[in-house]
Amino acid sequence: MVSGTVENQGLFYDRFEHVVLLSAPLDVLLDRVARRTNNPYGGAQSHRDEIASYVDSVEPLLRSSATLILDGRRPVARLADEIETLLTRTP
């Protein structure tokens, strides 16, 4: 399993059986970064503006190439179960 986002990631999609997007609405993302204490990113308005910009410009691209889109508001255990199902399903 690989996680992350880079500009040229589409070049590597053919190496993976699944491309999963974990997504959440902008208000949820902004609330989460505002409340966290282990990472300062999201604390400044410029960070929040950047996040909003990425949701508008990058997320549609990620959605268009994902093989599965998961709702990040769901409980972590249920999300993990869905990923496990992908990994253990016989092709």
PDB file of N, CA and C in Angstrom:
ATOM      1  N   MET A   1       0.847  -1.169   0.000  1.00  0.00           N
ATOM      2  CA  MET A   1       0.000   0.000   0.000  1.00  0.00           C
ATOM      3  C   MET A   1       0.897   1.238   0.000  1.00  0.00           C
ATOM      4  N   VAL A   2       0.516   2.217  -0.787  1.00  0.00           N
ATOM      5  CA  VAL A   2       1.239   3.470  -0.902  1.00  0.00           C
ATOM      6  C   VAL A   2       0.248   4.583  -0.617  1.00  0.00           C
ATOM      7  N   SER A   3       0.697   5.629   0.059  1.00  0.00           N
ATOM      8  CA  SER A   3      -0.184   6.740   0.380  1.00  0.00           C
ATOM      9  C   SER A   3       0.511   8.046   0.051  1.00  0.00           C
ATOM     10  N   GLY A   4      -0.253   9.004  -0.467  1.00  0.00           N
ATOM     11  CA  GLY A   4       0.315  10.309  -0.741  1.00  0.00           C
ATOM     12  C   GLY A   4      -0.184  10.866  -2.054  1.00  0.00           C
ATOM     13  N   THR A   5       0.265  12.062  -2.367  1.00  0.00           N
ATOM     14  CA  THR A   5      -0.115  12.721  -3.600  1.00  0.00           C
ATOM     15  C   THR A   5       1.090  13.480  -4.139  1.00  0.00           C
ATOM     16  N   VAL A   6       1.404  13.235  -5.401  1.00  0.00           N
ATOM     17  CA  VAL A   6       2.456  13.971  -6.090  1.00  0.00           C
ATOM     18  C   VAL A   6       1.974  14.288  -7.498  1.00  0.00           C
ATOM     19  N   GLU A   7       2.573  15.279  -8.104  1.00  0.00           N
ATOM     20  CA  GLU A   7       2.121  15.768  -9.400  1.00  0.00           C
ATOM     21  C   GLU A   7       2.109  14.696 -10.485  1.00  0.00           C
ATOM     22  N   ASN A   8       3.071  13.790 -10.473  1.00  0.00           N
ATOM     23  CA  ASN A   8       3.190  12.794 -11.542  1.00  0.00           C
ATOM     24  C   ASN A   8       2.656  11.413 -11.155  1.00  0.00           C
ATOM     25  N   GLN A   9       1.821  11.338 -10.146  1.00  0.00           N
ATOM     26  CA  GLN A   9       1.385  10.034  -9.642  1.00  0.00           C
ATOM     27  C   GLN A   9       0.643   9.205 -10.681  1.00  0.00           C
ATOM     28  N   GLY A  10      -0.047   9.850 -11.607  1.00  0.00           N
ATOM     29  CA  GLY A  10      -0.780   9.125 -12.634  1.00  0.00           C
ATOM     30  C   GLY A  10       0.106   8.231 -13.489  1.00  0.00           C
ATOM     31  N   LEU A  11       1.376   8.574 -13.567  1.00  0.00           N
ATOM     32  CA  LEU A  11       2.317   7.764 -14.344  1.00  0.00           C
ATOM     33  C   LEU A  11       2.522   6.379 -13.752  1.00  0.00           C
ATOM     34  N   PHE A  12       2.172   6.207 -12.481  1.00  0.00           N
ATOM     35  CA  PHE A  12       2.432   4.959 -11.777  1.00  0.00           C
ATOM     36  C   PHE A  12       1.179   4.129 -11.522  1.00  0.00           C
ATOM     37  N   TYR A  13       0.015   4.630 -11.899  1.00  0.00           N
ATOM     38  CA  TYR A  13      -1.238   3.933 -11.607  1.00  0.00           C
ATOM     39  C   TYR A  13      -1.293   2.533 -12.206  1.00  0.00           C
ATOM     40  N   ASP A  14      -0.650   2.326 -13.337  1.00  0.00           N
ATOM     41  CA  ASP A  14      -0.703   1.009 -13.961  1.00  0.00           C
ATOM     42  C   ASP A  14       0.035  -0.055 -13.155  1.00  0.00           C
ATOM     43  N   ARG A  15       0.758   0.356 -12.139  1.00  0.00           N
ATOM     44  CA  ARG A  15       1.479  -0.580 -11.281  1.00  0.00           C
ATOM     45  C   ARG A  15       0.641  -1.055 -10.101  1.00  0.00           C
ATOM     46  N   PHE A  16      -0.550  -0.483  -9.961  1.00  0.00           N
ATOM     47  CA  PHE A  16      -1.407  -0.794  -8.820  1.00  0.00           C
ATOM     48  C   PHE A  16      -2.730  -1.378  -9.282  1.00  0.00           C
ATOM     49  N   GLU A  17      -3.233  -2.301  -8.509  1.00  0.00           N
ATOM     50  CA  GLU A  17      -4.534  -2.882  -8.801  1.00  0.00           C
ATOM     51  C   GLU A  17      -5.658  -1.922  -8.423  1.00  0.00           C
ATOM     52  N   HIS A  18      -5.450  -1.146  -7.372  1.00  0.00           N
ATOM     53  CA  HIS A  18      -6.473  -0.217  -6.886  1.00  0.00           C
ATOM     54  C   HIS A  18      -5.858   1.156  -6.633  1.00  0.00           C
ATOM     55  N   VAL A  19      -6.630   2.182  -6.925  1.00  0.00           N
ATOM     56  CA  VAL A  19      -6.275   3.554  -6.574  1.00  0.00           C
ATOM     57  C   VAL A  19      -7.463   4.085  -5.773  1.00  0.00           C
ATOM     58  N   VAL A  20      -7.245   4.266  -4.479  1.00  0.00           N
ATOM     59  CA  VAL A  20      -8.326   4.624  -3.565  1.00  0.00           C
ATOM     60  C   VAL A  20      -8.170   6.076  -3.138  1.00  0.00           C
ATOM     61  N   LEU A  21      -9.270   6.816  -3.216  1.00  0.00           N
ATOM     62  CA  LEU A  21      -9.302   8.195  -2.738  1.00  0.00           C
ATOM     63  C   LEU A  21     -10.097   8.227  -1.441  1.00  0.00           C
ATOM     64  N   LEU A  22      -9.484   8.708  -0.396  1.00  0.00           N
ATOM     65  CA  LEU A  22     -10.161   8.939   0.871  1.00  0.00           C
ATOM     66  C   LEU A  22     -10.509  10.418   0.894  1.00  0.00           C
ATOM     67  N   SER A  23     -11.787  10.724   0.875  1.00  0.00           N
ATOM     68  CA  SER A  23     -12.238  12.099   0.715  1.00  0.00           C
ATOM     69  C   SER A  23     -13.178  12.507   1.846  1.00  0.00           C
ATOM     70  N   ALA A  24     -13.223  13.799   2.086  1.00  0.00           N
ATOM     71  CA  ALA A  24     -14.163  14.371   3.052  1.00  0.00           C
ATOM     72  C   ALA A  24     -14.506  15.779   2.582  1.00  0.00           C
ATOM     73  N   PRO A  25     -15.680  16.273   2.944  1.00  0.00           N
ATOM     74  CA  PRO A  25     -16.051  17.634   2.558  1.00  0.00           C
ATOM     75  C   PRO A  25     -15.074  18.664   3.136  1.00  0.00           C
ATOM     76  N   LEU A  26     -14.968  19.788   2.456  1.00  0.00           N
ATOM     77  CA  LEU A  26     -14.022  20.825   2.871  1.00  0.00           C
ATOM     78  C   LEU A  26     -14.234  21.246   4.321  1.00  0.00           C
ATOM     79  N   ASP A  27     -15.469  21.432   4.752  1.00  0.00           N
ATOM     80  CA  ASP A  27     -15.689  21.873   6.134  1.00  0.00           C
ATOM     81  C   ASP A  27     -15.166  20.858   7.141  1.00  0.00           C
ATOM     82  N   VAL A  28     -15.260  19.586   6.814  1.00  0.00           N
ATOM     83  CA  VAL A  28     -14.724  18.543   7.697  1.00  0.00           C
ATOM     84  C   VAL A  28     -13.198  18.610   7.723  1.00  0.00           C
ATOM     85  N   LEU A  29     -12.587  18.752   6.563  1.00  0.00           N
ATOM     86  CA  LEU A  29     -11.123  18.855   6.501  1.00  0.00           C
ATOM     87  C   LEU A  29     -10.612  20.044   7.306  1.00  0.00           C
ATOM     88  N   LEU A  30     -11.269  21.188   7.130  1.00  0.00           N
ATOM     89  CA  LEU A  30     -10.825  22.392   7.833  1.00  0.00           C
ATOM     90  C   LEU A  30     -11.017  22.258   9.339  1.00  0.00           C
ATOM     91  N   ASP A  31     -12.098  21.634   9.749  1.00  0.00           N
ATOM     92  CA  ASP A  31     -12.319  21.403  11.180  1.00  0.00           C
ATOM     93  C   ASP A  31     -11.241  20.488  11.750  1.00  0.00           C
ATOM     94  N   ARG A  32     -10.899  19.464  11.014  1.00  0.00           N
ATOM     95  CA  ARG A  32      -9.888  18.520  11.496  1.00  0.00           C
ATOM     96  C   ARG A  32      -8.520  19.171  11.643  1.00  0.00           C
ATOM     97  N   VAL A  33      -8.105  19.958  10.658  1.00  0.00           N
ATOM     98  CA  VAL A  33      -6.781  20.583  10.777  1.00  0.00           C
ATOM     99  C   VAL A  33      -6.777  21.658  11.855  1.00  0.00           C
ATOM    100  N   ALA A  34      -7.909  22.288  12.090  1.00  0.00           N
ATOM    101  CA  ALA A  34      -7.979  23.320  13.133  1.00  0.00           C
ATOM    102  C   ALA A  34      -7.865  22.714  14.532  1.00  0.00           C
ATOM    103  N   ARG A  35      -8.345  21.486  14.700  1.00  0.00           N
ATOM    104  CA  ARG A  35      -8.380  20.862  16.025  1.00  0.00           C
ATOM    105  C   ARG A  35      -7.149  20.026  16.360  1.00  0.00           C
ATOM    106  N   ARG A  36      -6.364  19.663  15.372  1.00  0.00           N
ATOM    107  CA  ARG A  36      -5.250  18.777  15.686  1.00  0.00           C
ATOM    108  C   ARG A  36      -4.148  19.518  16.432  1.00  0.00           C
ATOM    109  N   THR A  37      -3.396  18.754  17.195  1.00  0.00           N
ATOM    110  CA  THR A  37      -2.346  19.351  18.028  1.00  0.00           C
ATOM    111  C   THR A  37      -0.954  18.832  17.672  1.00  0.00           C
ATOM    112  N   ASN A  38      -0.887  17.859  16.780  1.00  0.00           N
ATOM    113  CA  ASN A  38       0.405  17.234  16.473  1.00  0.00           C
ATOM    114  C   ASN A  38       1.044  17.758  15.195  1.00  0.00           C
ATOM    115  N   ASN A  39       0.418  18.775  14.545  1.00  0.00           N
ATOM    116  CA  ASN A  39       0.940  19.283  13.288  1.00  0.00           C
ATOM    117  C   ASN A  39       0.431  20.720  13.123  1.00  0.00           C
ATOM    118  N   PRO A  40       1.312  21.674  12.938  1.00  0.00           N
ATOM    119  CA  PRO A  40       0.869  23.072  12.851  1.00  0.00           C
ATOM    120  C   PRO A  40       0.195  23.432  11.525  1.00  0.00           C
ATOM    121  N   TYR A  41       0.354  22.583  10.486  1.00  0.00           N
ATOM    122  CA  TYR A  41      -0.252  22.914   9.197  1.00  0.00           C
ATOM    123  C   TYR A  41      -1.774  22.931   9.330  1.00  0.00           C
ATOM    124  N   GLY A  42      -2.357  24.019   8.889  1.00  0.00           N
ATOM    125  CA  GLY A  42      -3.800  24.202   8.994  1.00  0.00           C
ATOM    126  C   GLY A  42      -4.170  25.269  10.003  1.00  0.00           C
ATOM    127  N   GLY A  43      -3.198  25.659  10.806  1.00  0.00           N
ATOM    128  CA  GLY A  43      -3.470  26.667  11.834  1.00  0.00           C
ATOM    129  C   GLY A  43      -3.595  28.078  11.283  1.00  0.00           C
ATOM    130  N   ALA A  44      -2.919  28.344  10.190  1.00  0.00           N
ATOM    131  CA  ALA A  44      -2.946  29.682   9.587  1.00  0.00           C
ATOM    132  C   ALA A  44      -4.012  29.750   8.490  1.00  0.00           C
ATOM    133  N   GLN A  45      -4.571  30.927   8.304  1.00  0.00           N
ATOM    134  CA  GLN A  45      -5.578  31.103   7.255  1.00  0.00           C
ATOM    135  C   GLN A  45      -5.010  30.769   5.883  1.00  0.00           C
ATOM    136  N   SER A  46      -3.748  31.092   5.668  1.00  0.00           N
ATOM    137  CA  SER A  46      -3.136  30.772   4.371  1.00  0.00           C
ATOM    138  C   SER A  46      -3.130  29.262   4.121  1.00  0.00           C
ATOM    139  N   HIS A  47      -2.944  28.479   5.187  1.00  0.00           N
ATOM    140  CA  HIS A  47      -2.996  27.021   5.059  1.00  0.00           C
ATOM    141  C   HIS A  47      -4.400  26.574   4.679  1.00  0.00           C
ATOM    142  N   ARG A  48      -5.389  27.121   5.351  1.00  0.00           N
ATOM    143  CA  ARG A  48      -6.781  26.745   5.084  1.00  0.00           C
ATOM    144  C   ARG A  48      -7.189  27.145   3.664  1.00  0.00           C
ATOM    145  N   ASP A  49      -6.708  28.298   3.213  1.00  0.00           N
ATOM    146  CA  ASP A  49      -6.971  28.715   1.831  1.00  0.00           C
ATOM    147  C   ASP A  49      -6.330  27.750   0.841  1.00  0.00           C
ATOM    148  N   GLU A  50      -5.133  27.295   1.164  1.00  0.00           N
ATOM    149  CA  GLU A  50      -4.430  26.336   0.308  1.00  0.00           C
ATOM    150  C   GLU A  50      -5.196  25.008   0.245  1.00  0.00           C
ATOM    151  N   ILE A  51      -5.681  24.547   1.378  1.00  0.00           N
ATOM    152  CA  ILE A  51      -6.464  23.311   1.424  1.00  0.00           C
ATOM    153  C   ILE A  51      -7.710  23.453   0.555  1.00  0.00           C
ATOM    154  N   ALA A  52      -8.404  24.567   0.677  1.00  0.00           N
ATOM    155  CA  ALA A  52      -9.607  24.811  -0.128  1.00  0.00           C
ATOM    156  C   ALA A  52      -9.262  24.816  -1.618  1.00  0.00           C
ATOM    157  N   SER A  53      -8.148  25.411  -1.958  1.00  0.00           N
ATOM    158  CA  SER A  53      -7.710  25.456  -3.347  1.00  0.00           C
ATOM    159  C   SER A  53      -7.435  24.052  -3.878  1.00  0.00           C
ATOM    160  N   TYR A  54      -6.798  23.211  -3.061  1.00  0.00           N
ATOM    161  CA  TYR A  54      -6.508  21.841  -3.467  1.00  0.00           C
ATOM    162  C   TYR A  54      -7.788  21.023  -3.642  1.00  0.00           C
ATOM    163  N   VAL A  55      -8.738  21.230  -2.757  1.00  0.00           N
ATOM    164  CA  VAL A  55     -10.009  20.510  -2.886  1.00  0.00           C
ATOM    165  C   VAL A  55     -10.680  20.889  -4.206  1.00  0.00           C
ATOM    166  N   ASP A  56     -10.610  22.164  -4.568  1.00  0.00           N
ATOM    167  CA  ASP A  56     -11.224  22.623  -5.822  1.00  0.00           C
ATOM    168  C   ASP A  56     -10.463  22.167  -7.067  1.00  0.00           C
ATOM    169  N   SER A  57      -9.149  22.190  -7.000  1.00  0.00           N
ATOM    170  CA  SER A  57      -8.365  21.949  -8.218  1.00  0.00           C
ATOM    171  C   SER A  57      -7.819  20.533  -8.354  1.00  0.00           C
ATOM    172  N   VAL A  58      -7.453  19.906  -7.250  1.00  0.00           N
ATOM    173  CA  VAL A  58      -6.798  18.599  -7.314  1.00  0.00           C
ATOM    174  C   VAL A  58      -7.775  17.448  -7.079  1.00  0.00           C
ATOM    175  N   GLU A  59      -8.696  17.612  -6.149  1.00  0.00           N
ATOM    176  CA  GLU A  59      -9.586  16.487  -5.845  1.00  0.00           C
ATOM    177  C   GLU A  59     -10.363  15.996  -7.064  1.00  0.00           C
ATOM    178  N   PRO A  60     -10.874  16.861  -7.936  1.00  0.00           N
ATOM    179  CA  PRO A  60     -11.559  16.327  -9.125  1.00  0.00           C
ATOM    180  C   PRO A  60     -10.662  15.433  -9.985  1.00  0.00           C
ATOM    181  N   LEU A  61      -9.399  15.765 -10.078  1.00  0.00           N
ATOM    182  CA  LEU A  61      -8.460  14.930 -10.830  1.00  0.00           C
ATOM    183  C   LEU A  61      -8.268  13.575 -10.154  1.00  0.00           C
ATOM    184  N   LEU A  62      -8.167  13.600  -8.839  1.00  0.00           N
ATOM    185  CA  LEU A  62      -8.005  12.358  -8.089  1.00  0.00           C
ATOM    186  C   LEU A  62      -9.258  11.496  -8.211  1.00  0.00           C
ATOM    187  N   ARG A  63     -10.416  12.122  -8.144  1.00  0.00           N
ATOM    188  CA  ARG A  63     -11.682  11.386  -8.270  1.00  0.00           C
ATOM    189  C   ARG A  63     -11.783  10.697  -9.627  1.00  0.00           C
ATOM    190  N   SER A  64     -11.342  11.387 -10.657  1.00  0.00           N
ATOM    191  CA  SER A  64     -11.497  10.848 -12.013  1.00  0.00           C
ATOM    192  C   SER A  64     -10.631   9.620 -12.265  1.00  0.00           C
ATOM    193  N   SER A  65      -9.582   9.444 -11.495  1.00  0.00           N
ATOM    194  CA  SER A  65      -8.695   8.301 -11.720  1.00  0.00           C
ATOM    195  C   SER A  65      -8.751   7.260 -10.599  1.00  0.00           C
ATOM    196  N   ALA A  66      -9.558   7.502  -9.575  1.00  0.00           N
ATOM    197  CA  ALA A  66      -9.673   6.535  -8.479  1.00  0.00           C
ATOM    198  C   ALA A  66     -10.518   5.341  -8.905  1.00  0.00           C
ATOM    199  N   THR A  67     -10.146   4.174  -8.416  1.00  0.00           N
ATOM    200  CA  THR A  67     -10.973   2.990  -8.645  1.00  0.00           C
ATOM    201  C   THR A  67     -11.995   2.820  -7.530  1.00  0.00           C
ATOM    202  N   LEU A  68     -11.782   3.510  -6.410  1.00  0.00           N
ATOM    203  CA  LEU A  68     -12.713   3.485  -5.289  1.00  0.00           C
ATOM    204  C   LEU A  68     -12.585   4.797  -4.532  1.00  0.00           C
ATOM    205  N   ILE A  69     -13.706   5.392  -4.180  1.00  0.00           N
ATOM    206  CA  ILE A  69     -13.721   6.617  -3.380  1.00  0.00           C
ATOM    207  C   ILE A  69     -14.404   6.297  -2.062  1.00  0.00           C
ATOM    208  N   LEU A  70     -13.691   6.552  -0.970  1.00  0.00           N
ATOM    209  CA  LEU A  70     -14.221   6.286   0.359  1.00  0.00           C
ATOM    210  C   LEU A  70     -14.504   7.596   1.082  1.00  0.00           C
ATOM    211  N   ASP A  71     -15.578   7.610   1.824  1.00  0.00           N
ATOM    212  CA  ASP A  71     -15.992   8.785   2.588  1.00  0.00           C
ATOM    213  C   ASP A  71     -15.216   8.826   3.900  1.00  0.00           C
ATOM    214  N   GLY A  72     -14.317   9.786   4.027  1.00  0.00           N
ATOM    215  CA  GLY A  72     -13.456   9.911   5.198  1.00  0.00           C
ATOM    216  C   GLY A  72     -14.169  10.276   6.481  1.00  0.00           C
ATOM    217  N   ARG A  73     -15.467  10.502   6.422  1.00  0.00           N
ATOM    218  CA  ARG A  73     -16.238  10.763   7.649  1.00  0.00           C
ATOM    219  C   ARG A  73     -16.651   9.463   8.328  1.00  0.00           C
ATOM    220  N   ARG A  74     -16.495   8.359   7.638  1.00  0.00           N
ATOM    221  CA  ARG A  74     -16.895   7.067   8.194  1.00  0.00           C
ATOM    222  C   ARG A  74     -15.893   6.610   9.257  1.00  0.00           C
ATOM    223  N   PRO A  75     -16.312   5.735  10.145  1.00  0.00           N
ATOM    224  CA  PRO A  75     -15.390   5.233  11.179  1.00  0.00           C
ATOM    225  C   PRO A  75     -14.168   4.566  10.557  1.00  0.00           C
ATOM    226  N   VAL A  76     -13.036   4.784  11.180  1.00  0.00           N
ATOM    227  CA  VAL A  76     -11.761   4.258  10.683  1.00  0.00           C
ATOM    228  C   VAL A  76     -11.830   2.741  10.505  1.00  0.00           C
ATOM    229  N   ALA A  77     -12.439   2.036  11.440  1.00  0.00           N
ATOM    230  CA  ALA A  77     -12.510   0.576  11.346  1.00  0.00           C
ATOM    231  C   ALA A  77     -13.269   0.137  10.095  1.00  0.00           C
ATOM    232  N   ARG A  78     -14.322   0.840   9.735  1.00  0.00           N
ATOM    233  CA  ARG A  78     -15.087   0.477   8.531  1.00  0.00           C
ATOM    234  C   ARG A  78     -14.300   0.780   7.263  1.00  0.00           C
ATOM    235  N   LEU A  79     -13.562   1.884   7.269  1.00  0.00           N
ATOM    236  CA  LEU A  79     -12.712   2.202   6.125  1.00  0.00           C
ATOM    237  C   LEU A  79     -11.630   1.131   5.963  1.00  0.00           C
ATOM    238  N   ALA A  80     -11.028   0.744   7.071  1.00  0.00           N
ATOM    239  CA  ALA A  80      -9.987  -0.290   7.034  1.00  0.00           C
ATOM    240  C   ALA A  80     -10.557  -1.610   6.532  1.00  0.00           C
ATOM    241  N   ASP A  81     -11.778  -1.930   6.929  1.00  0.00           N
ATOM    242  CA  ASP A  81     -12.421  -3.161   6.447  1.00  0.00           C
ATOM    243  C   ASP A  81     -12.589  -3.129   4.934  1.00  0.00           C
ATOM    244  N   GLU A  82     -12.972  -1.982   4.387  1.00  0.00           N
ATOM    245  CA  GLU A  82     -13.145  -1.884   2.939  1.00  0.00           C
ATOM    246  C   GLU A  82     -11.810  -2.056   2.210  1.00  0.00           C
ATOM    247  N   ILE A  83     -10.767  -1.476   2.751  1.00  0.00           N
ATOM    248  CA  ILE A  83      -9.435  -1.627   2.149  1.00  0.00           C
ATOM    249  C   ILE A  83      -8.987  -3.083   2.239  1.00  0.00           C
ATOM    250  N   GLU A  84      -9.194  -3.684   3.379  1.00  0.00           N
ATOM    251  CA  GLU A  84      -8.823  -5.096   3.551  1.00  0.00           C
ATOM    252  C   GLU A  84      -9.574  -5.969   2.540  1.00  0.00           C
ATOM    253  N   THR A  85     -10.833  -5.685   2.314  1.00  0.00           N
ATOM    254  CA  THR A  85     -11.606  -6.441   1.333  1.00  0.00           C
ATOM    255  C   THR A  85     -10.989  -6.320  -0.059  1.00  0.00           C
ATOM    256  N   LEU A  86     -10.549  -5.116  -0.408  1.00  0.00           N
ATOM    257  CA  LEU A  86      -9.883  -4.935  -1.704  1.00  0.00           C
ATOM    258  C   LEU A  86      -8.627  -5.781  -1.802  1.00  0.00           C
ATOM    259  N   LEU A  87      -7.870  -5.816  -0.726  1.00  0.00           N
ATOM    260  CA  LEU A  87      -6.578  -6.504  -0.735  1.00  0.00           C
ATOM    261  C   LEU A  87      -6.709  -8.024  -0.700  1.00  0.00           C
ATOM    262  N   THR A  88      -7.812  -8.510  -0.173  1.00  0.00           N
ATOM    263  CA  THR A  88      -7.961  -9.959  -0.020  1.00  0.00           C
ATOM    264  C   THR A  88      -8.897 -10.561  -1.058  1.00  0.00           C
ATOM    265  N   ARG A  89      -9.554  -9.733  -1.856  1.00  0.00           N
ATOM    266  CA  ARG A  89     -10.469 -10.226  -2.880  1.00  0.00           C
ATOM    267  C   ARG A  89      -9.676 -10.942  -3.968  1.00  0.00           C
ATOM    268  N   THR A  90     -10.173 -12.092  -4.365  1.00  0.00           N
ATOM    269  CA  THR A  90      -9.533 -12.857  -5.438  1.00  0.00           C
ATOM    270  C   THR A  90      -9.943 -12.258  -6.774  1.00  0.00           C
ATOM    271  N   PRO A  91      -8.967 -11.929  -7.634  1.00  0.00           N
ATOM    272  CA  PRO A  91      -9.300 -11.320  -8.935  1.00  0.00           C
ATOM    273  C   PRO A  91     -10.044 -12.273  -9.848  1.00  0.00           C
TER     274      PRO A  91
END
